[in-house]
């Protein structure tokens, strides 16, 4: 399986980092969180169905799944041999932002 990061994944990651900074999270902790998220995303290559179905996005064309790391949600879908990462989302934000801003 291949990991493909959609442009929305990078945008959502930037916005999540901004959110963490506004919450006063130290830069070294933010780096740890981001590194952990990327490491967890890599596990999808071996176990693509490990994430639960993303219930907020059932009405969408793609069957989105989510993988939770601490308070981060990695949103992705599987198509053929590709796993498309579409968002990194801090779950302490308004959940409507996920639906409206990134997907």
PDB file of N, CA and C in Angstrom:
ATOM      1  N   UNK A   1       0.849  -1.179   0.000  1.00  0.00           N
ATOM      2  CA  UNK A   1       0.000   0.000   0.000  1.00  0.00           C
ATOM      3  C   UNK A   1       0.897   1.246   0.000  1.00  0.00           C
ATOM      4  N   UNK A   2       0.394   2.285  -0.622  1.00  0.00           N
ATOM      5  CA  UNK A   2       1.107   3.562  -0.701  1.00  0.00           C
ATOM      6  C   UNK A   2       0.348   4.629   0.055  1.00  0.00           C
ATOM      7  N   UNK A   3       1.073   5.497   0.748  1.00  0.00           N
ATOM      8  CA  UNK A   3       0.457   6.654   1.397  1.00  0.00           C
ATOM      9  C   UNK A   3       0.534   7.838   0.454  1.00  0.00           C
ATOM     10  N   UNK A   4      -0.585   8.504   0.275  1.00  0.00           N
ATOM     11  CA  UNK A   4      -0.652   9.704  -0.557  1.00  0.00           C
ATOM     12  C   UNK A   4      -1.242  10.806   0.318  1.00  0.00           C
ATOM     13  N   UNK A   5      -0.495  11.892   0.462  1.00  0.00           N
ATOM     14  CA  UNK A   5      -0.972  13.018   1.261  1.00  0.00           C
ATOM     15  C   UNK A   5      -1.622  14.044   0.340  1.00  0.00           C
ATOM     16  N   UNK A   6      -2.915  14.224   0.505  1.00  0.00           N
ATOM     17  CA  UNK A   6      -3.656  15.205  -0.298  1.00  0.00           C
ATOM     18  C   UNK A   6      -3.280  16.619   0.149  1.00  0.00           C
ATOM     19  N   UNK A   7      -3.446  17.603  -0.726  1.00  0.00           N
ATOM     20  CA  UNK A   7      -3.180  18.999  -0.323  1.00  0.00           C
ATOM     21  C   UNK A   7      -3.960  19.415   0.926  1.00  0.00           C
ATOM     22  N   UNK A   8      -5.156  18.876   1.084  1.00  0.00           N
ATOM     23  CA  UNK A   8      -5.950  19.207   2.268  1.00  0.00           C
ATOM     24  C   UNK A   8      -5.303  18.688   3.550  1.00  0.00           C
ATOM     25  N   UNK A   9      -4.524  17.620   3.447  1.00  0.00           N
ATOM     26  CA  UNK A   9      -3.830  17.090   4.624  1.00  0.00           C
ATOM     27  C   UNK A   9      -2.812  18.106   5.127  1.00  0.00           C
ATOM     28  N   UNK A  10      -2.057  18.681   4.201  1.00  0.00           N
ATOM     29  CA  UNK A  10      -1.045  19.673   4.594  1.00  0.00           C
ATOM     30  C   UNK A  10      -1.701  20.937   5.140  1.00  0.00           C
ATOM     31  N   UNK A  11      -2.779  21.361   4.518  1.00  0.00           N
ATOM     32  CA  UNK A  11      -3.508  22.541   4.986  1.00  0.00           C
ATOM     33  C   UNK A  11      -4.065  22.308   6.391  1.00  0.00           C
ATOM     34  N   UNK A  12      -4.667  21.154   6.596  1.00  0.00           N
ATOM     35  CA  UNK A  12      -5.242  20.856   7.907  1.00  0.00           C
ATOM     36  C   UNK A  12      -4.155  20.708   8.970  1.00  0.00           C
ATOM     37  N   UNK A  13      -3.005  20.165   8.589  1.00  0.00           N
ATOM     38  CA  UNK A  13      -1.901  20.043   9.535  1.00  0.00           C
ATOM     39  C   UNK A  13      -1.420  21.426   9.962  1.00  0.00           C
ATOM     40  N   UNK A  14      -1.270  22.327   9.001  1.00  0.00           N
ATOM     41  CA  UNK A  14      -0.864  23.703   9.320  1.00  0.00           C
ATOM     42  C   UNK A  14      -1.860  24.362  10.268  1.00  0.00           C
ATOM     43  N   UNK A  15      -3.136  24.189   9.989  1.00  0.00           N
ATOM     44  CA  UNK A  15      -4.169  24.802  10.838  1.00  0.00           C
ATOM     45  C   UNK A  15      -4.193  24.162  12.224  1.00  0.00           C
ATOM     46  N   UNK A  16      -3.953  22.875  12.297  1.00  0.00           N
ATOM     47  CA  UNK A  16      -3.914  22.208  13.602  1.00  0.00           C
ATOM     48  C   UNK A  16      -2.710  22.666  14.421  1.00  0.00           C
ATOM     49  N   UNK A  17      -1.583  22.861  13.750  1.00  0.00           N
ATOM     50  CA  UNK A  17      -0.402  23.387  14.441  1.00  0.00           C
ATOM     51  C   UNK A  17      -0.677  24.797  14.947  1.00  0.00           C
ATOM     52  N   UNK A  18      -1.318  25.609  14.117  1.00  0.00           N
ATOM     53  CA  UNK A  18      -1.701  26.961  14.555  1.00  0.00           C
ATOM     54  C   UNK A  18      -2.596  26.892  15.788  1.00  0.00           C
ATOM     55  N   UNK A  19      -3.534  25.968  15.777  1.00  0.00           N
ATOM     56  CA  UNK A  19      -4.447  25.793  16.907  1.00  0.00           C
ATOM     57  C   UNK A  19      -3.664  25.428  18.171  1.00  0.00           C
ATOM     58  N   UNK A  20      -2.723  24.497  18.040  1.00  0.00           N
ATOM     59  CA  UNK A  20      -1.911  24.094  19.188  1.00  0.00           C
ATOM     60  C   UNK A  20      -1.102  25.268  19.726  1.00  0.00           C
ATOM     61  N   UNK A  21      -0.551  26.070  18.831  1.00  0.00           N
ATOM     62  CA  UNK A  21       0.212  27.235  19.257  1.00  0.00           C
ATOM     63  C   UNK A  21      -0.671  28.225  20.008  1.00  0.00           C
ATOM     64  N   UNK A  22      -1.894  28.426  19.520  1.00  0.00           N
ATOM     65  CA  UNK A  22      -2.831  29.321  20.208  1.00  0.00           C
ATOM     66  C   UNK A  22      -3.209  28.793  21.594  1.00  0.00           C
ATOM     67  N   UNK A  23      -3.160  27.483  21.761  1.00  0.00           N
ATOM     68  CA  UNK A  23      -3.460  26.872  23.053  1.00  0.00           C
ATOM     69  C   UNK A  23      -2.261  26.928  24.004  1.00  0.00           C
ATOM     70  N   UNK A  24      -1.139  27.427  23.497  1.00  0.00           N
ATOM     71  CA  UNK A  24       0.054  27.558  24.333  1.00  0.00           C
ATOM     72  C   UNK A  24       0.890  26.300  24.452  1.00  0.00           C
ATOM     73  N   UNK A  25       0.700  25.371  23.540  1.00  0.00           N
ATOM     74  CA  UNK A  25       1.493  24.142  23.558  1.00  0.00           C
ATOM     75  C   UNK A  25       2.910  24.485  23.097  1.00  0.00           C
ATOM     76  N   UNK A  26       3.927  24.068  23.868  1.00  0.00           N
ATOM     77  CA  UNK A  26       5.317  24.370  23.494  1.00  0.00           C
ATOM     78  C   UNK A  26       5.700  23.733  22.151  1.00  0.00           C
ATOM     79  N   UNK A  27       6.600  24.400  21.446  1.00  0.00           N
ATOM     80  CA  UNK A  27       7.020  23.938  20.111  1.00  0.00           C
ATOM     81  C   UNK A  27       7.568  22.513  20.129  1.00  0.00           C
ATOM     82  N   UNK A  28       8.350  22.173  21.156  1.00  0.00           N
ATOM     83  CA  UNK A  28       8.913  20.813  21.195  1.00  0.00           C
ATOM     84  C   UNK A  28       7.807  19.763  21.345  1.00  0.00           C
ATOM     85  N   UNK A  29       6.738  20.103  22.074  1.00  0.00           N
ATOM     86  CA  UNK A  29       5.605  19.181  22.231  1.00  0.00           C
ATOM     87  C   UNK A  29       4.833  19.066  20.912  1.00  0.00           C
ATOM     88  N   UNK A  30       4.678  20.186  20.217  1.00  0.00           N
ATOM     89  CA  UNK A  30       4.009  20.163  18.907  1.00  0.00           C
ATOM     90  C   UNK A  30       4.786  19.271  17.946  1.00  0.00           C
ATOM     91  N   UNK A  31       6.107  19.393  17.954  1.00  0.00           N
ATOM     92  CA  UNK A  31       6.945  18.547  17.084  1.00  0.00           C
ATOM     93  C   UNK A  31       6.750  17.075  17.403  1.00  0.00           C
ATOM     94  N   UNK A  32       6.678  16.742  18.693  1.00  0.00           N
ATOM     95  CA  UNK A  32       6.448  15.350  19.100  1.00  0.00           C
ATOM     96  C   UNK A  32       5.109  14.845  18.574  1.00  0.00           C
ATOM     97  N   UNK A  33       4.091  15.663  18.709  1.00  0.00           N
ATOM     98  CA  UNK A  33       2.745  15.273  18.283  1.00  0.00           C
ATOM     99  C   UNK A  33       2.712  15.038  16.773  1.00  0.00           C
ATOM    100  N   UNK A  34       3.314  15.951  16.027  1.00  0.00           N
ATOM    101  CA  UNK A  34       3.330  15.831  14.563  1.00  0.00           C
ATOM    102  C   UNK A  34       4.111  14.582  14.155  1.00  0.00           C
ATOM    103  N   UNK A  35       5.268  14.355  14.774  1.00  0.00           N
ATOM    104  CA  UNK A  35       6.070  13.168  14.466  1.00  0.00           C
ATOM    105  C   UNK A  35       5.281  11.892  14.754  1.00  0.00           C
ATOM    106  N   UNK A  36       4.604  11.870  15.876  1.00  0.00           N
ATOM    107  CA  UNK A  36       3.794  10.700  16.237  1.00  0.00           C
ATOM    108  C   UNK A  36       2.671  10.467  15.224  1.00  0.00           C
ATOM    109  N   UNK A  37       2.067  11.549  14.750  1.00  0.00           N
ATOM    110  CA  UNK A  37       0.995  11.424  13.756  1.00  0.00           C
ATOM    111  C   UNK A  37       1.526  10.811  12.458  1.00  0.00           C
ATOM    112  N   UNK A  38       2.695  11.268  12.012  1.00  0.00           N
ATOM    113  CA  UNK A  38       3.267  10.706  10.783  1.00  0.00           C
ATOM    114  C   UNK A  38       3.674   9.245  10.967  1.00  0.00           C
ATOM    115  N   UNK A  39       4.195   8.915  12.132  1.00  0.00           N
ATOM    116  CA  UNK A  39       4.550   7.512  12.402  1.00  0.00           C
ATOM    117  C   UNK A  39       3.306   6.625  12.399  1.00  0.00           C
ATOM    118  N   UNK A  40       2.240   7.123  12.998  1.00  0.00           N
ATOM    119  CA  UNK A  40       0.995   6.357  13.031  1.00  0.00           C
ATOM    120  C   UNK A  40       0.430   6.203  11.616  1.00  0.00           C
ATOM    121  N   UNK A  41       0.527   7.258  10.811  1.00  0.00           N
ATOM    122  CA  UNK A  41       0.055   7.184   9.425  1.00  0.00           C
ATOM    123  C   UNK A  41       0.814   6.096   8.663  1.00  0.00           C
ATOM    124  N   UNK A  42       2.085   5.947   8.939  1.00  0.00           N
ATOM    125  CA  UNK A  42       2.894   4.918   8.269  1.00  0.00           C
ATOM    126  C   UNK A  42       2.371   3.515   8.566  1.00  0.00           C
ATOM    127  N   UNK A  43       1.790   3.310   9.746  1.00  0.00           N
ATOM    128  CA  UNK A  43       1.272   1.978  10.082  1.00  0.00           C
ATOM    129  C   UNK A  43       0.112   1.581   9.179  1.00  0.00           C
ATOM    130  N   UNK A  44      -0.521   2.572   8.564  1.00  0.00           N
ATOM    131  CA  UNK A  44      -1.635   2.271   7.658  1.00  0.00           C
ATOM    132  C   UNK A  44      -1.187   1.454   6.447  1.00  0.00           C
ATOM    133  N   UNK A  45       0.072   1.543   6.088  1.00  0.00           N
ATOM    134  CA  UNK A  45       0.575   0.754   4.952  1.00  0.00           C
ATOM    135  C   UNK A  45       0.385  -0.741   5.202  1.00  0.00           C
ATOM    136  N   UNK A  46       0.583  -1.164   6.437  1.00  0.00           N
ATOM    137  CA  UNK A  46       0.432  -2.585   6.773  1.00  0.00           C
ATOM    138  C   UNK A  46      -0.982  -2.930   7.226  1.00  0.00           C
ATOM    139  N   UNK A  47      -1.639  -1.963   7.876  1.00  0.00           N
ATOM    140  CA  UNK A  47      -2.966  -2.212   8.448  1.00  0.00           C
ATOM    141  C   UNK A  47      -3.934  -1.105   8.027  1.00  0.00           C
ATOM    142  N   UNK A  48      -4.299  -1.047   6.753  1.00  0.00           N
ATOM    143  CA  UNK A  48      -5.104   0.074   6.260  1.00  0.00           C
ATOM    144  C   UNK A  48      -6.510   0.174   6.864  1.00  0.00           C
ATOM    145  N   UNK A  49      -7.043  -0.922   7.352  1.00  0.00           N
ATOM    146  CA  UNK A  49      -8.403  -0.900   7.889  1.00  0.00           C
ATOM    147  C   UNK A  49      -8.429  -0.776   9.416  1.00  0.00           C
ATOM    148  N   UNK A  50      -7.302  -0.409   9.999  1.00  0.00           N
ATOM    149  CA  UNK A  50      -7.228  -0.285  11.459  1.00  0.00           C
ATOM    150  C   UNK A  50      -8.100   0.860  11.969  1.00  0.00           C
ATOM    151  N   UNK A  51      -8.269   1.896  11.167  1.00  0.00           N
ATOM    152  CA  UNK A  51      -9.061   3.043  11.591  1.00  0.00           C
ATOM    153  C   UNK A  51     -10.551   2.778  11.515  1.00  0.00           C
ATOM    154  N   UNK A  52     -11.280   3.421  12.405  1.00  0.00           N
ATOM    155  CA  UNK A  52     -12.738   3.296  12.399  1.00  0.00           C
ATOM    156  C   UNK A  52     -13.322   4.120  11.260  1.00  0.00           C
ATOM    157  N   UNK A  53     -14.529   3.781  10.859  1.00  0.00           N
ATOM    158  CA  UNK A  53     -15.230   4.590   9.859  1.00  0.00           C
ATOM    159  C   UNK A  53     -15.546   5.946  10.461  1.00  0.00           C
ATOM    160  N   UNK A  54     -15.354   6.988   9.668  1.00  0.00           N
ATOM    161  CA  UNK A  54     -15.604   8.358  10.133  1.00  0.00           C
ATOM    162  C   UNK A  54     -17.080   8.670   9.964  1.00  0.00           C
ATOM    163  N   UNK A  55     -17.803   8.639  11.060  1.00  0.00           N
ATOM    164  CA  UNK A  55     -19.256   8.801  11.027  1.00  0.00           C
ATOM    165  C   UNK A  55     -19.692  10.189  10.570  1.00  0.00           C
ATOM    166  N   UNK A  56     -18.881  11.199  10.813  1.00  0.00           N
ATOM    167  CA  UNK A  56     -19.251  12.555  10.391  1.00  0.00           C
ATOM    168  C   UNK A  56     -19.291  12.699   8.879  1.00  0.00           C
ATOM    169  N   UNK A  57     -18.657  11.763   8.180  1.00  0.00           N
ATOM    170  CA  UNK A  57     -18.516  11.893   6.729  1.00  0.00           C
ATOM    171  C   UNK A  57     -19.182  10.748   5.975  1.00  0.00           C
ATOM    172  N   UNK A  58     -20.162  10.098   6.576  1.00  0.00           N
ATOM    173  CA  UNK A  58     -20.837   8.980   5.913  1.00  0.00           C
ATOM    174  C   UNK A  58     -21.504   9.383   4.601  1.00  0.00           C
ATOM    175  N   UNK A  59     -21.951  10.601   4.504  1.00  0.00           N
ATOM    176  CA  UNK A  59     -22.691  11.024   3.310  1.00  0.00           C
ATOM    177  C   UNK A  59     -21.786  11.315   2.122  1.00  0.00           C
ATOM    178  N   UNK A  60     -20.491  11.270   2.304  1.00  0.00           N
ATOM    179  CA  UNK A  60     -19.548  11.583   1.227  1.00  0.00           C
ATOM    180  C   UNK A  60     -19.328  10.388   0.304  1.00  0.00           C
ATOM    181  N   UNK A  61     -18.850  10.697  -0.891  1.00  0.00           N
ATOM    182  CA  UNK A  61     -18.596   9.662  -1.893  1.00  0.00           C
ATOM    183  C   UNK A  61     -17.573   8.635  -1.390  1.00  0.00           C
ATOM    184  N   UNK A  62     -16.451   9.123  -0.869  1.00  0.00           N
ATOM    185  CA  UNK A  62     -15.412   8.228  -0.368  1.00  0.00           C
ATOM    186  C   UNK A  62     -15.797   7.707   1.009  1.00  0.00           C
ATOM    187  N   UNK A  63     -15.374   6.515   1.306  1.00  0.00           N
ATOM    188  CA  UNK A  63     -15.623   5.923   2.617  1.00  0.00           C
ATOM    189  C   UNK A  63     -14.444   6.289   3.521  1.00  0.00           C
ATOM    190  N   UNK A  64     -14.604   7.367   4.236  1.00  0.00           N
ATOM    191  CA  UNK A  64     -13.536   7.879   5.085  1.00  0.00           C
ATOM    192  C   UNK A  64     -13.409   7.057   6.356  1.00  0.00           C
ATOM    193  N   UNK A  65     -12.175   6.963   6.806  1.00  0.00           N
ATOM    194  CA  UNK A  65     -11.858   6.293   8.058  1.00  0.00           C
ATOM    195  C   UNK A  65     -11.039   7.271   8.896  1.00  0.00           C
ATOM    196  N   UNK A  66     -10.922   6.988  10.181  1.00  0.00           N
ATOM    197  CA  UNK A  66     -10.143   7.855  11.051  1.00  0.00           C
ATOM    198  C   UNK A  66      -9.258   7.021  11.960  1.00  0.00           C
ATOM    199  N   UNK A  67      -8.125   7.595  12.249  1.00  0.00           N
ATOM    200  CA  UNK A  67      -7.178   6.993  13.168  1.00  0.00           C
ATOM    201  C   UNK A  67      -6.889   8.064  14.214  1.00  0.00           C
ATOM    202  N   UNK A  68      -7.055   7.718  15.475  1.00  0.00           N
ATOM    203  CA  UNK A  68      -6.896   8.690  16.557  1.00  0.00           C
ATOM    204  C   UNK A  68      -5.545   8.490  17.233  1.00  0.00           C
ATOM    205  N   UNK A  69      -4.826   9.601  17.404  1.00  0.00           N
ATOM    206  CA  UNK A  69      -3.573   9.628  18.152  1.00  0.00           C
ATOM    207  C   UNK A  69      -3.699  10.772  19.138  1.00  0.00           C
ATOM    208  N   UNK A  70      -3.738  10.445  20.406  1.00  0.00           N
ATOM    209  CA  UNK A  70      -3.961  11.447  21.451  1.00  0.00           C
ATOM    210  C   UNK A  70      -5.255  12.182  21.142  1.00  0.00           C
ATOM    211  N   UNK A  71      -5.148  13.452  20.772  1.00  0.00           N
ATOM    212  CA  UNK A  71      -6.320  14.256  20.426  1.00  0.00           C
ATOM    213  C   UNK A  71      -6.297  14.643  18.959  1.00  0.00           C
ATOM    214  N   UNK A  72      -5.501  13.934  18.175  1.00  0.00           N
ATOM    215  CA  UNK A  72      -5.421  14.163  16.737  1.00  0.00           C
ATOM    216  C   UNK A  72      -6.171  13.067  16.005  1.00  0.00           C
ATOM    217  N   UNK A  73      -6.809  13.455  14.952  1.00  0.00           N
ATOM    218  CA  UNK A  73      -7.532  12.516  14.104  1.00  0.00           C
ATOM    219  C   UNK A  73      -6.878  12.580  12.714  1.00  0.00           C
ATOM    220  N   UNK A  74      -6.499  11.412  12.203  1.00  0.00           N
ATOM    221  CA  UNK A  74      -6.022  11.314  10.823  1.00  0.00           C
ATOM    222  C   UNK A  74      -7.202  10.786  10.019  1.00  0.00           C
ATOM    223  N   UNK A  75      -7.631  11.548   9.027  1.00  0.00           N
ATOM    224  CA  UNK A  75      -8.770  11.144   8.197  1.00  0.00           C
ATOM    225  C   UNK A  75      -8.214  10.669   6.853  1.00  0.00           C
ATOM    226  N   UNK A  76      -8.680   9.504   6.415  1.00  0.00           N
ATOM    227  CA  UNK A  76      -8.152   8.922   5.183  1.00  0.00           C
ATOM    228  C   UNK A  76      -9.214   8.051   4.512  1.00  0.00           C
ATOM    229  N   UNK A  77      -8.914   7.716   3.254  1.00  0.00           N
ATOM    230  CA  UNK A  77      -9.725   6.713   2.575  1.00  0.00           C
ATOM    231  C   UNK A  77      -8.802   5.842   1.739  1.00  0.00           C
ATOM    232  N   UNK A  78      -9.298   4.673   1.403  1.00  0.00           N
ATOM    233  CA  UNK A  78      -8.517   3.690   0.653  1.00  0.00           C
ATOM    234  C   UNK A  78      -9.114   3.561  -0.736  1.00  0.00           C
ATOM    235  N   UNK A  79      -8.243   3.607  -1.725  1.00  0.00           N
ATOM    236  CA  UNK A  79      -8.671   3.413  -3.114  1.00  0.00           C
ATOM    237  C   UNK A  79      -7.606   2.584  -3.815  1.00  0.00           C
ATOM    238  N   UNK A  80      -7.950   1.353  -4.138  1.00  0.00           N
ATOM    239  CA  UNK A  80      -6.985   0.463  -4.764  1.00  0.00           C
ATOM    240  C   UNK A  80      -5.823   0.198  -3.817  1.00  0.00           C
ATOM    241  N   UNK A  81      -4.617   0.451  -4.289  1.00  0.00           N
ATOM    242  CA  UNK A  81      -3.416   0.249  -3.488  1.00  0.00           C
ATOM    243  C   UNK A  81      -2.964   1.521  -2.777  1.00  0.00           C
ATOM    244  N   UNK A  82      -3.791   2.564  -2.819  1.00  0.00           N
ATOM    245  CA  UNK A  82      -3.425   3.846  -2.219  1.00  0.00           C
ATOM    246  C   UNK A  82      -4.275   4.170  -0.997  1.00  0.00           C
ATOM    247  N   UNK A  83      -3.612   4.737  -0.024  1.00  0.00           N
ATOM    248  CA  UNK A  83      -4.279   5.263   1.163  1.00  0.00           C
ATOM    249  C   UNK A  83      -4.120   6.775   1.071  1.00  0.00           C
ATOM    250  N   UNK A  84      -5.228   7.467   0.923  1.00  0.00           N
ATOM    251  CA  UNK A  84      -5.199   8.916   0.772  1.00  0.00           C
ATOM    252  C   UNK A  84      -5.452   9.571   2.133  1.00  0.00           C
ATOM    253  N   UNK A  85      -4.425  10.210   2.664  1.00  0.00           N
ATOM    254  CA  UNK A  85      -4.565  10.981   3.897  1.00  0.00           C
ATOM    255  C   UNK A  85      -5.129  12.337   3.482  1.00  0.00           C
ATOM    256  N   UNK A  86      -6.295  12.687   4.009  1.00  0.00           N
ATOM    257  CA  UNK A  86      -6.934  13.940   3.587  1.00  0.00           C
ATOM    258  C   UNK A  86      -6.958  14.997   4.677  1.00  0.00           C
ATOM    259  N   UNK A  87      -6.759  14.610   5.949  1.00  0.00           N
ATOM    260  CA  UNK A  87      -6.767  15.624   7.008  1.00  0.00           C
ATOM    261  C   UNK A  87      -6.097  15.115   8.264  1.00  0.00           C
ATOM    262  N   UNK A  88      -5.435  16.041   8.939  1.00  0.00           N
ATOM    263  CA  UNK A  88      -4.968  15.878  10.307  1.00  0.00           C
ATOM    264  C   UNK A  88      -5.790  16.889  11.089  1.00  0.00           C
ATOM    265  N   UNK A  89      -6.507  16.432  12.089  1.00  0.00           N
ATOM    266  CA  UNK A  89      -7.450  17.325  12.740  1.00  0.00           C
ATOM    267  C   UNK A  89      -7.364  17.196  14.251  1.00  0.00           C
ATOM    268  N   UNK A  90      -7.196  18.321  14.930  1.00  0.00           N
ATOM    269  CA  UNK A  90      -7.199  18.338  16.383  1.00  0.00           C
ATOM    270  C   UNK A  90      -8.651  18.242  16.838  1.00  0.00           C
ATOM    271  N   UNK A  91      -8.969  17.210  17.568  1.00  0.00           N
ATOM    272  CA  UNK A  91     -10.367  16.935  17.918  1.00  0.00           C
ATOM    273  C   UNK A  91     -10.941  17.900  18.953  1.00  0.00           C
ATOM    274  N   UNK A  92     -10.117  18.788  19.480  1.00  0.00           N
ATOM    275  CA  UNK A  92     -10.627  19.791  20.421  1.00  0.00           C
ATOM    276  C   UNK A  92     -11.212  20.994  19.688  1.00  0.00           C
ATOM    277  N   UNK A  93     -11.087  20.998  18.376  1.00  0.00           N
ATOM    278  CA  UNK A  93     -11.688  22.053  17.567  1.00  0.00           C
ATOM    279  C   UNK A  93     -13.156  21.711  17.289  1.00  0.00           C
ATOM    280  N   UNK A  94     -13.858  22.687  16.765  1.00  0.00           N
ATOM    281  CA  UNK A  94     -15.245  22.483  16.366  1.00  0.00           C
ATOM    282  C   UNK A  94     -15.271  21.409  15.269  1.00  0.00           C
ATOM    283  N   UNK A  95     -15.988  20.311  15.467  1.00  0.00           N
ATOM    284  CA  UNK A  95     -15.996  19.233  14.481  1.00  0.00           C
ATOM    285  C   UNK A  95     -16.528  19.658  13.117  1.00  0.00           C
ATOM    286  N   UNK A  96     -17.340  20.687  13.070  1.00  0.00           N
ATOM    287  CA  UNK A  96     -17.847  21.162  11.785  1.00  0.00           C
ATOM    288  C   UNK A  96     -16.722  21.688  10.893  1.00  0.00           C
ATOM    289  N   UNK A  97     -15.616  22.134  11.512  1.00  0.00           N
ATOM    290  CA  UNK A  97     -14.479  22.608  10.726  1.00  0.00           C
ATOM    291  C   UNK A  97     -13.933  21.498   9.832  1.00  0.00           C
ATOM    292  N   UNK A  98     -13.926  20.293  10.346  1.00  0.00           N
ATOM    293  CA  UNK A  98     -13.438  19.160   9.563  1.00  0.00           C
ATOM    294  C   UNK A  98     -14.262  18.996   8.307  1.00  0.00           C
ATOM    295  N   UNK A  99     -15.550  19.020   8.467  1.00  0.00           N
ATOM    296  CA  UNK A  99     -16.474  18.816   7.349  1.00  0.00           C
ATOM    297  C   UNK A  99     -16.418  19.977   6.366  1.00  0.00           C
ATOM    298  N   UNK A 100     -16.368  21.185   6.874  1.00  0.00           N
ATOM    299  CA  UNK A 100     -16.505  22.350   6.004  1.00  0.00           C
ATOM    300  C   UNK A 100     -15.195  22.852   5.417  1.00  0.00           C
ATOM    301  N   UNK A 101     -14.098  22.719   6.135  1.00  0.00           N
ATOM    302  CA  UNK A 101     -12.846  23.321   5.663  1.00  0.00           C
ATOM    303  C   UNK A 101     -11.972  22.404   4.850  1.00  0.00           C
ATOM    304  N   UNK A 102     -11.958  21.119   5.163  1.00  0.00           N
ATOM    305  CA  UNK A 102     -10.963  20.253   4.583  1.00  0.00           C
ATOM    306  C   UNK A 102     -11.489  19.225   3.604  1.00  0.00           C
ATOM    307  N   UNK A 103     -12.787  18.942   3.667  1.00  0.00           N
ATOM    308  CA  UNK A 103     -13.292  17.855   2.813  1.00  0.00           C
ATOM    309  C   UNK A 103     -14.483  18.295   1.995  1.00  0.00           C
TER     310      UNK A 103
END
